[in-house]
């Protein structure tokens, strides 16, 4: 029995949403933030899975997923009037390379040093990509806020000059 693409996609979405909410409950995220934190985690995981499916790679997929976490966190924080971290921490959980880190430690314990080193480097690269993706989301947010304020100031100044000349 083979699983269809949409069934696989739905299962991935369901489990990423559930794991994000489960972790959010464990760290006492407020009840009113659970649903949107789950949506952020689901969006980040589906971005990661989509990137891996189109052969972008696990590291770039993690960067894109972390970028989505950052953007979702900023948007949901403004909508819900809550701190960004309430959404970002649970939403990062599906992206954490826990199985790869476990395999690296297991290979190290079994004496397979070359494989352990490769896996450890991969875990480090994924963690670094997650940090960079998160940082890019913050920079894009600050840049868009700065451009928005600059545009508003220009419009006000332009309207003021227009009213003076009339």
C-alpha atoms as a PDB file:
ATOM      1  CA  UNK A   1       0.000   0.000   0.000  1.00  0.00           C
ATOM      2  CA  UNK A   2       1.449   3.335  -1.031  1.00  0.00           C
ATOM      3  CA  UNK A   3       0.565   6.620   0.547  1.00  0.00           C
ATOM      4  CA  UNK A   4      -0.481   9.494  -1.697  1.00  0.00           C
ATOM      5  CA  UNK A   5       1.251  12.846  -1.612  1.00  0.00           C
ATOM      6  CA  UNK A   6      -1.716  14.688  -0.083  1.00  0.00           C
ATOM      7  CA  UNK A   7      -2.171  12.004   2.572  1.00  0.00           C
ATOM      8  CA  UNK A   8       1.515  12.304   3.473  1.00  0.00           C
ATOM      9  CA  UNK A   9       1.191  16.105   3.558  1.00  0.00           C
ATOM     10  CA  UNK A  10      -1.882  15.917   5.816  1.00  0.00           C
ATOM     11  CA  UNK A  11      -0.174  13.483   8.214  1.00  0.00           C
ATOM     12  CA  UNK A  12       2.910  15.720   8.395  1.00  0.00           C
ATOM     13  CA  UNK A  13       0.699  18.761   9.082  1.00  0.00           C
ATOM     14  CA  UNK A  14      -1.305  16.974  11.767  1.00  0.00           C
ATOM     15  CA  UNK A  15       1.689  15.629  13.666  1.00  0.00           C
ATOM     16  CA  UNK A  16       3.692  18.859  13.477  1.00  0.00           C
ATOM     17  CA  UNK A  17       0.689  20.803  14.783  1.00  0.00           C
ATOM     18  CA  UNK A  18       0.204  18.267  17.578  1.00  0.00           C
ATOM     19  CA  UNK A  19       3.857  18.156  18.594  1.00  0.00           C
ATOM     20  CA  UNK A  20       4.047  21.931  18.713  1.00  0.00           C
ATOM     21  CA  UNK A  21       0.956  22.210  20.878  1.00  0.00           C
ATOM     22  CA  UNK A  22       2.184  19.372  23.107  1.00  0.00           C
ATOM     23  CA  UNK A  23       5.478  21.132  23.730  1.00  0.00           C
ATOM     24  CA  UNK A  24       3.696  24.454  24.227  1.00  0.00           C
ATOM     25  CA  UNK A  25       1.547  22.872  26.942  1.00  0.00           C
ATOM     26  CA  UNK A  26       4.666  21.464  28.607  1.00  0.00           C
ATOM     27  CA  UNK A  27       6.267  24.909  28.829  1.00  0.00           C
ATOM     28  CA  UNK A  28       3.034  26.593  30.025  1.00  0.00           C
ATOM     29  CA  UNK A  29       2.218  28.702  27.006  1.00  0.00           C
ATOM     30  CA  UNK A  30      -1.063  30.569  27.649  1.00  0.00           C
ATOM     31  CA  UNK A  31      -4.149  28.765  26.391  1.00  0.00           C
ATOM     32  CA  UNK A  32      -5.123  31.542  23.995  1.00  0.00           C
ATOM     33  CA  UNK A  33      -1.767  31.189  22.204  1.00  0.00           C
ATOM     34  CA  UNK A  34      -1.794  27.403  21.747  1.00  0.00           C
ATOM     35  CA  UNK A  35      -3.662  27.266  18.451  1.00  0.00           C
ATOM     36  CA  UNK A  36      -1.581  29.883  16.672  1.00  0.00           C
ATOM     37  CA  UNK A  37       1.658  28.448  18.090  1.00  0.00           C
ATOM     38  CA  UNK A  38       0.573  25.121  16.607  1.00  0.00           C
ATOM     39  CA  UNK A  39      -0.098  26.796  13.275  1.00  0.00           C
ATOM     40  CA  UNK A  40       3.361  28.389  13.320  1.00  0.00           C
ATOM     41  CA  UNK A  41       4.975  25.024  14.059  1.00  0.00           C
ATOM     42  CA  UNK A  42       2.947  23.357  11.332  1.00  0.00           C
ATOM     43  CA  UNK A  43       3.830  26.065   8.801  1.00  0.00           C
ATOM     44  CA  UNK A  44       7.527  25.802   9.615  1.00  0.00           C
ATOM     45  CA  UNK A  45       7.557  22.011   9.377  1.00  0.00           C
ATOM     46  CA  UNK A  46       5.629  21.960   6.099  1.00  0.00           C
ATOM     47  CA  UNK A  47       8.073  24.520   4.704  1.00  0.00           C
ATOM     48  CA  UNK A  48      10.951  22.269   5.766  1.00  0.00           C
ATOM     49  CA  UNK A  49       9.324  19.143   4.308  1.00  0.00           C
ATOM     50  CA  UNK A  50       8.516  20.964   1.070  1.00  0.00           C
ATOM     51  CA  UNK A  51      12.099  22.173   0.748  1.00  0.00           C
ATOM     52  CA  UNK A  52      13.454  18.679   1.350  1.00  0.00           C
ATOM     53  CA  UNK A  53      10.984  17.216  -1.175  1.00  0.00           C
ATOM     54  CA  UNK A  54      12.193  19.555  -3.911  1.00  0.00           C
ATOM     55  CA  UNK A  55      15.792  18.597  -3.059  1.00  0.00           C
ATOM     56  CA  UNK A  56      16.874  21.916  -1.565  1.00  0.00           C
ATOM     57  CA  UNK A  57      18.477  20.065   1.345  1.00  0.00           C
ATOM     58  CA  UNK A  58      17.977  19.713   5.071  1.00  0.00           C
ATOM     59  CA  UNK A  59      20.091  22.715   6.007  1.00  0.00           C
ATOM     60  CA  UNK A  60      18.369  25.136   3.636  1.00  0.00           C
ATOM     61  CA  UNK A  61      14.996  23.628   4.565  1.00  0.00           C
ATOM     62  CA  UNK A  62      15.770  24.345   8.221  1.00  0.00           C
ATOM     63  CA  UNK A  63      16.736  27.908   7.372  1.00  0.00           C
ATOM     64  CA  UNK A  64      13.469  28.433   5.485  1.00  0.00           C
ATOM     65  CA  UNK A  65      11.464  26.784   8.258  1.00  0.00           C
ATOM     66  CA  UNK A  66      13.092  28.990  10.890  1.00  0.00           C
ATOM     67  CA  UNK A  67      12.383  32.038   8.744  1.00  0.00           C
ATOM     68  CA  UNK A  68       8.709  31.039   8.674  1.00  0.00           C
ATOM     69  CA  UNK A  69       8.779  30.589  12.474  1.00  0.00           C
ATOM     70  CA  UNK A  70      10.178  34.101  12.864  1.00  0.00           C
ATOM     71  CA  UNK A  71       7.641  35.682  10.532  1.00  0.00           C
ATOM     72  CA  UNK A  72       4.720  33.778  12.075  1.00  0.00           C
ATOM     73  CA  UNK A  73       5.902  34.674  15.565  1.00  0.00           C
ATOM     74  CA  UNK A  74       6.049  38.377  14.735  1.00  0.00           C
ATOM     75  CA  UNK A  75       2.639  38.371  13.038  1.00  0.00           C
ATOM     76  CA  UNK A  76       0.940  36.291  15.735  1.00  0.00           C
ATOM     77  CA  UNK A  77       2.492  38.375  18.508  1.00  0.00           C
ATOM     78  CA  UNK A  78       0.972  41.500  17.007  1.00  0.00           C
ATOM     79  CA  UNK A  79      -2.405  39.838  16.486  1.00  0.00           C
ATOM     80  CA  UNK A  80      -2.583  38.290  19.962  1.00  0.00           C
ATOM     81  CA  UNK A  81      -0.766  41.144  21.793  1.00  0.00           C
ATOM     82  CA  UNK A  82       1.680  38.719  23.370  1.00  0.00           C
ATOM     83  CA  UNK A  83       5.493  38.372  23.356  1.00  0.00           C
ATOM     84  CA  UNK A  84       7.024  36.856  20.213  1.00  0.00           C
ATOM     85  CA  UNK A  85       8.850  34.186  22.212  1.00  0.00           C
ATOM     86  CA  UNK A  86       5.516  32.614  23.222  1.00  0.00           C
ATOM     87  CA  UNK A  87       5.080  31.528  19.605  1.00  0.00           C
ATOM     88  CA  UNK A  88       8.682  31.089  18.480  1.00  0.00           C
ATOM     89  CA  UNK A  89       9.913  28.569  21.040  1.00  0.00           C
ATOM     90  CA  UNK A  90       7.159  25.963  20.547  1.00  0.00           C
ATOM     91  CA  UNK A  91       7.161  26.467  16.773  1.00  0.00           C
ATOM     92  CA  UNK A  92      10.884  25.632  16.557  1.00  0.00           C
ATOM     93  CA  UNK A  93      10.379  22.194  18.125  1.00  0.00           C
ATOM     94  CA  UNK A  94       9.503  20.330  14.895  1.00  0.00           C
ATOM     95  CA  UNK A  95      12.687  21.665  13.265  1.00  0.00           C
ATOM     96  CA  UNK A  96      15.096  20.521  15.991  1.00  0.00           C
ATOM     97  CA  UNK A  97      17.396  17.802  14.572  1.00  0.00           C
ATOM     98  CA  UNK A  98      16.996  15.486  17.576  1.00  0.00           C
ATOM     99  CA  UNK A  99      17.154  12.193  15.680  1.00  0.00           C
ATOM    100  CA  UNK A 100      20.322  13.267  13.864  1.00  0.00           C
ATOM    101  CA  UNK A 101      21.933  14.334  17.140  1.00  0.00           C
ATOM    102  CA  UNK A 102      20.978  10.973  18.663  1.00  0.00           C
ATOM    103  CA  UNK A 103      22.510   9.137  15.710  1.00  0.00           C
ATOM    104  CA  UNK A 104      25.709  11.168  16.082  1.00  0.00           C
ATOM    105  CA  UNK A 105      26.018  10.260  19.773  1.00  0.00           C
ATOM    106  CA  UNK A 106      25.173   6.626  19.021  1.00  0.00           C
ATOM    107  CA  UNK A 107      27.865   6.420  16.331  1.00  0.00           C
ATOM    108  CA  UNK A 108      30.325   8.026  18.724  1.00  0.00           C
ATOM    109  CA  UNK A 109      29.516   5.427  21.382  1.00  0.00           C
ATOM    110  CA  UNK A 110      29.885   2.602  18.844  1.00  0.00           C
ATOM    111  CA  UNK A 111      33.284   3.881  17.719  1.00  0.00           C
ATOM    112  CA  UNK A 112      32.163   4.977  14.244  1.00  0.00           C
ATOM    113  CA  UNK A 113      34.048   8.238  14.476  1.00  0.00           C
ATOM    114  CA  UNK A 114      33.847   9.320  10.819  1.00  0.00           C
ATOM    115  CA  UNK A 115      30.078   8.899  10.680  1.00  0.00           C
ATOM    116  CA  UNK A 116      29.722  10.544  14.106  1.00  0.00           C
ATOM    117  CA  UNK A 117      31.737  13.537  12.931  1.00  0.00           C
ATOM    118  CA  UNK A 118      29.653  13.915   9.750  1.00  0.00           C
ATOM    119  CA  UNK A 119      26.413  13.767  11.710  1.00  0.00           C
ATOM    120  CA  UNK A 120      27.694  16.201  14.343  1.00  0.00           C
ATOM    121  CA  UNK A 121      28.672  18.687  11.640  1.00  0.00           C
ATOM    122  CA  UNK A 122      25.234  18.259  10.056  1.00  0.00           C
ATOM    123  CA  UNK A 123      23.537  18.964  13.399  1.00  0.00           C
ATOM    124  CA  UNK A 124      25.681  22.071  13.824  1.00  0.00           C
ATOM    125  CA  UNK A 125      24.898  23.264  10.313  1.00  0.00           C
ATOM    126  CA  UNK A 126      21.162  22.749  10.850  1.00  0.00           C
ATOM    127  CA  UNK A 127      21.273  24.578  14.181  1.00  0.00           C
ATOM    128  CA  UNK A 128      23.221  27.419  12.576  1.00  0.00           C
ATOM    129  CA  UNK A 129      20.782  27.581   9.669  1.00  0.00           C
ATOM    130  CA  UNK A 130      17.899  27.783  12.122  1.00  0.00           C
ATOM    131  CA  UNK A 131      19.582  30.695  13.881  1.00  0.00           C
ATOM    132  CA  UNK A 132      20.258  32.478  10.592  1.00  0.00           C
ATOM    133  CA  UNK A 133      16.683  31.951   9.364  1.00  0.00           C
ATOM    134  CA  UNK A 134      15.363  33.316  12.612  1.00  0.00           C
ATOM    135  CA  UNK A 135      17.701  36.306  12.382  1.00  0.00           C
ATOM    136  CA  UNK A 136      16.673  37.039   8.774  1.00  0.00           C
ATOM    137  CA  UNK A 137      13.017  37.128   9.841  1.00  0.00           C
ATOM    138  CA  UNK A 138      13.844  39.653  12.561  1.00  0.00           C
ATOM    139  CA  UNK A 139      15.868  41.802  10.149  1.00  0.00           C
ATOM    140  CA  UNK A 140      13.090  41.729   7.546  1.00  0.00           C
ATOM    141  CA  UNK A 141      10.584  42.725  10.234  1.00  0.00           C
ATOM    142  CA  UNK A 142      12.703  45.649  11.446  1.00  0.00           C
ATOM    143  CA  UNK A 143      13.434  46.759   7.885  1.00  0.00           C
ATOM    144  CA  UNK A 144       9.762  46.669   6.896  1.00  0.00           C
ATOM    145  CA  UNK A 145       8.826  48.604  10.045  1.00  0.00           C
ATOM    146  CA  UNK A 146      11.501  51.218   9.270  1.00  0.00           C
ATOM    147  CA  UNK A 147      10.365  51.539   5.640  1.00  0.00           C
ATOM    148  CA  UNK A 148       6.726  51.822   6.720  1.00  0.00           C
ATOM    149  CA  UNK A 149       7.521  54.628   9.164  1.00  0.00           C
ATOM    150  CA  UNK A 150       9.687  56.397   6.596  1.00  0.00           C
ATOM    151  CA  UNK A 151       6.878  56.210   4.035  1.00  0.00           C
ATOM    152  CA  UNK A 152       4.377  57.614   6.533  1.00  0.00           C
ATOM    153  CA  UNK A 153       6.706  60.504   7.383  1.00  0.00           C
ATOM    154  CA  UNK A 154       7.225  61.266   3.680  1.00  0.00           C
ATOM    155  CA  UNK A 155       3.468  61.254   3.044  1.00  0.00           C
ATOM    156  CA  UNK A 156       2.827  63.571   5.985  1.00  0.00           C
ATOM    157  CA  UNK A 157       5.566  65.942   4.841  1.00  0.00           C
ATOM    158  CA  UNK A 158       4.298  65.830   1.259  1.00  0.00           C
ATOM    159  CA  UNK A 159       0.699  66.568   2.340  1.00  0.00           C
ATOM    160  CA  UNK A 160       1.915  69.392   4.584  1.00  0.00           C
ATOM    161  CA  UNK A 161       3.834  71.002   1.684  1.00  0.00           C
ATOM    162  CA  UNK A 162       0.832  70.532  -0.585  1.00  0.00           C
ATOM    163  CA  UNK A 163      -1.492  72.266   1.879  1.00  0.00           C
ATOM    164  CA  UNK A 164       0.970  75.191   2.273  1.00  0.00           C
ATOM    165  CA  UNK A 165       1.148  75.821  -1.474  1.00  0.00           C
ATOM    166  CA  UNK A 166      -2.622  75.736  -1.922  1.00  0.00           C
END
